[in-house]
Amino acid sequence: MPVIRLEADSPERTQIGEGLVKFAVQAGRLETGREEGRYFLRHDDGCAVDGRRIAPGDPFAFDTDAGEIRCLDHVEERTGREPADGE
């Protein structure tokens, strides 16, 4: 599965759909049982590279293979992909 780009709902978690639940469980990042929704991806530990907290509204990446959360500044390091012009 690829690296998935999401937008943070809060500094601790972001609501996800059923398609990502399997990957969140494998990564130990699934949170359930909240009034606001059914499934959430925890990212309270911040970026896997530098620990930077993910703020509400910030885009971030969930690497479904490694189970890591990364800020967009560090997602290219994991994928080995060079940013395209305009990124």
C-alpha atoms as a PDB file:
ATOM      1  CA  MET A   1       0.000   0.000   0.000  1.00  0.00           C
ATOM      2  CA  PRO A   2       1.270   3.493  -0.724  1.00  0.00           C
ATOM      3  CA  VAL A   3       1.985   6.463   1.450  1.00  0.00           C
ATOM      4  CA  ILE A   4      -1.385   8.102   2.163  1.00  0.00           C
ATOM      5  CA  ARG A   5      -1.705  11.864   2.502  1.00  0.00           C
ATOM      6  CA  LEU A   6      -4.221  13.073   5.102  1.00  0.00           C
ATOM      7  CA  GLU A   7      -5.182  16.317   6.822  1.00  0.00           C
ATOM      8  CA  ALA A   8      -5.085  16.331  10.626  1.00  0.00           C
ATOM      9  CA  ASP A   9      -8.319  16.744  12.567  1.00  0.00           C
ATOM     10  CA  SER A  10      -6.496  17.376  15.860  1.00  0.00           C
ATOM     11  CA  PRO A  11      -2.936  17.138  17.226  1.00  0.00           C
ATOM     12  CA  GLU A  12      -3.634  13.602  18.473  1.00  0.00           C
ATOM     13  CA  ARG A  13      -5.823  11.853  15.880  1.00  0.00           C
ATOM     14  CA  THR A  14      -7.537  11.999  12.499  1.00  0.00           C
ATOM     15  CA  GLN A  15     -10.729  10.225  11.519  1.00  0.00           C
ATOM     16  CA  ILE A  16     -10.229   7.528   8.873  1.00  0.00           C
ATOM     17  CA  GLY A  17     -12.443   5.254   6.818  1.00  0.00           C
ATOM     18  CA  GLU A  18     -12.677   1.482   6.919  1.00  0.00           C
ATOM     19  CA  GLY A  19     -10.155   1.095   4.091  1.00  0.00           C
ATOM     20  CA  LEU A  20      -7.302   2.288   6.328  1.00  0.00           C
ATOM     21  CA  VAL A  21      -8.315   0.438   9.509  1.00  0.00           C
ATOM     22  CA  LYS A  22      -6.219  -2.655   8.693  1.00  0.00           C
ATOM     23  CA  PHE A  23      -3.088  -0.536   8.264  1.00  0.00           C
ATOM     24  CA  ALA A  24      -3.774   1.510  11.395  1.00  0.00           C
ATOM     25  CA  VAL A  25      -4.148  -1.731  13.399  1.00  0.00           C
ATOM     26  CA  GLN A  26      -0.888  -3.145  11.973  1.00  0.00           C
ATOM     27  CA  ALA A  27       0.883   0.082  12.921  1.00  0.00           C
ATOM     28  CA  GLY A  28      -0.630   0.153  16.420  1.00  0.00           C
ATOM     29  CA  ARG A  29      -2.256   3.486  15.587  1.00  0.00           C
ATOM     30  CA  LEU A  30      -5.985   2.667  15.564  1.00  0.00           C
ATOM     31  CA  GLU A  31      -8.236   4.406  18.074  1.00  0.00           C
ATOM     32  CA  THR A  32     -11.949   3.612  18.372  1.00  0.00           C
ATOM     33  CA  GLY A  33     -14.879   4.249  20.690  1.00  0.00           C
ATOM     34  CA  ARG A  34     -15.113   8.021  20.381  1.00  0.00           C
ATOM     35  CA  GLU A  35     -18.332  10.008  20.028  1.00  0.00           C
ATOM     36  CA  GLU A  36     -16.966  11.958  17.061  1.00  0.00           C
ATOM     37  CA  GLY A  37     -16.542   8.903  14.866  1.00  0.00           C
ATOM     38  CA  ARG A  38     -15.806   5.235  14.551  1.00  0.00           C
ATOM     39  CA  TYR A  39     -12.144   4.939  13.459  1.00  0.00           C
ATOM     40  CA  PHE A  40      -9.211   7.250  14.105  1.00  0.00           C
ATOM     41  CA  LEU A  41      -5.526   7.186  13.193  1.00  0.00           C
ATOM     42  CA  ARG A  42      -3.350   8.248  16.142  1.00  0.00           C
ATOM     43  CA  HIS A  43      -0.464  10.588  15.320  1.00  0.00           C
ATOM     44  CA  ASP A  44       0.201  12.090  18.757  1.00  0.00           C
ATOM     45  CA  ASP A  45       3.883  11.121  18.533  1.00  0.00           C
ATOM     46  CA  GLY A  46       4.381  13.489  15.587  1.00  0.00           C
ATOM     47  CA  CYS A  47       6.691  13.061  12.611  1.00  0.00           C
ATOM     48  CA  ALA A  48       8.815   9.885  12.699  1.00  0.00           C
ATOM     49  CA  VAL A  49      11.893  11.847  11.581  1.00  0.00           C
ATOM     50  CA  ASP A  50      11.982  14.884  13.857  1.00  0.00           C
ATOM     51  CA  GLY A  51       9.008  14.494  16.227  1.00  0.00           C
ATOM     52  CA  ARG A  52       7.309  17.636  14.942  1.00  0.00           C
ATOM     53  CA  ARG A  53       3.704  17.712  16.142  1.00  0.00           C
ATOM     54  CA  ILE A  54       0.972  17.573  13.523  1.00  0.00           C
ATOM     55  CA  ALA A  55      -1.391  20.528  14.039  1.00  0.00           C
ATOM     56  CA  PRO A  56      -5.094  20.565  13.139  1.00  0.00           C
ATOM     57  CA  GLY A  57      -5.450  21.231   9.415  1.00  0.00           C
ATOM     58  CA  ASP A  58      -1.838  20.259   8.656  1.00  0.00           C
ATOM     59  CA  PRO A  59      -1.315  17.772   5.846  1.00  0.00           C
ATOM     60  CA  PHE A  60       0.736  14.728   6.822  1.00  0.00           C
ATOM     61  CA  ALA A  61       1.588  11.310   5.434  1.00  0.00           C
ATOM     62  CA  PHE A  62       0.843   7.832   6.777  1.00  0.00           C
ATOM     63  CA  ASP A  63       3.294   5.261   5.441  1.00  0.00           C
ATOM     64  CA  THR A  64       1.161   2.125   5.482  1.00  0.00           C
ATOM     65  CA  ASP A  65       4.165  -0.196   5.025  1.00  0.00           C
ATOM     66  CA  ALA A  66       6.315   1.223   7.822  1.00  0.00           C
ATOM     67  CA  GLY A  67       3.412   2.383  10.013  1.00  0.00           C
ATOM     68  CA  GLU A  68       5.046   5.796  10.310  1.00  0.00           C
ATOM     69  CA  ILE A  69       3.582   9.273  10.402  1.00  0.00           C
ATOM     70  CA  ARG A  70       5.639  11.917   8.617  1.00  0.00           C
ATOM     71  CA  CYS A  71       5.240  15.605   8.011  1.00  0.00           C
ATOM     72  CA  LEU A  72       5.292  16.465   4.325  1.00  0.00           C
ATOM     73  CA  ASP A  73       8.837  17.835   4.688  1.00  0.00           C
ATOM     74  CA  HIS A  74      10.064  14.280   5.371  1.00  0.00           C
ATOM     75  CA  VAL A  75       7.759  12.084   3.317  1.00  0.00           C
ATOM     76  CA  GLU A  76      10.038  12.262   0.269  1.00  0.00           C
ATOM     77  CA  GLU A  77      12.920  10.759   2.306  1.00  0.00           C
ATOM     78  CA  ARG A  78      10.930   7.571   2.909  1.00  0.00           C
ATOM     79  CA  THR A  79       9.611   7.146  -0.607  1.00  0.00           C
ATOM     80  CA  GLY A  80      12.854   8.113  -2.316  1.00  0.00           C
ATOM     81  CA  ARG A  81      10.772  10.221  -4.660  1.00  0.00           C
ATOM     82  CA  GLU A  82      11.979  13.609  -5.738  1.00  0.00           C
ATOM     83  CA  PRO A  83       9.374  16.373  -5.414  1.00  0.00           C
ATOM     84  CA  ALA A  84       7.907  17.443  -8.731  1.00  0.00           C
ATOM     85  CA  ASP A  85       8.038  21.075  -9.796  1.00  0.00           C
ATOM     86  CA  GLY A  86       5.535  23.052  -7.773  1.00  0.00           C
ATOM     87  CA  GLU A  87       5.499  20.674  -4.803  1.00  0.00           C
END
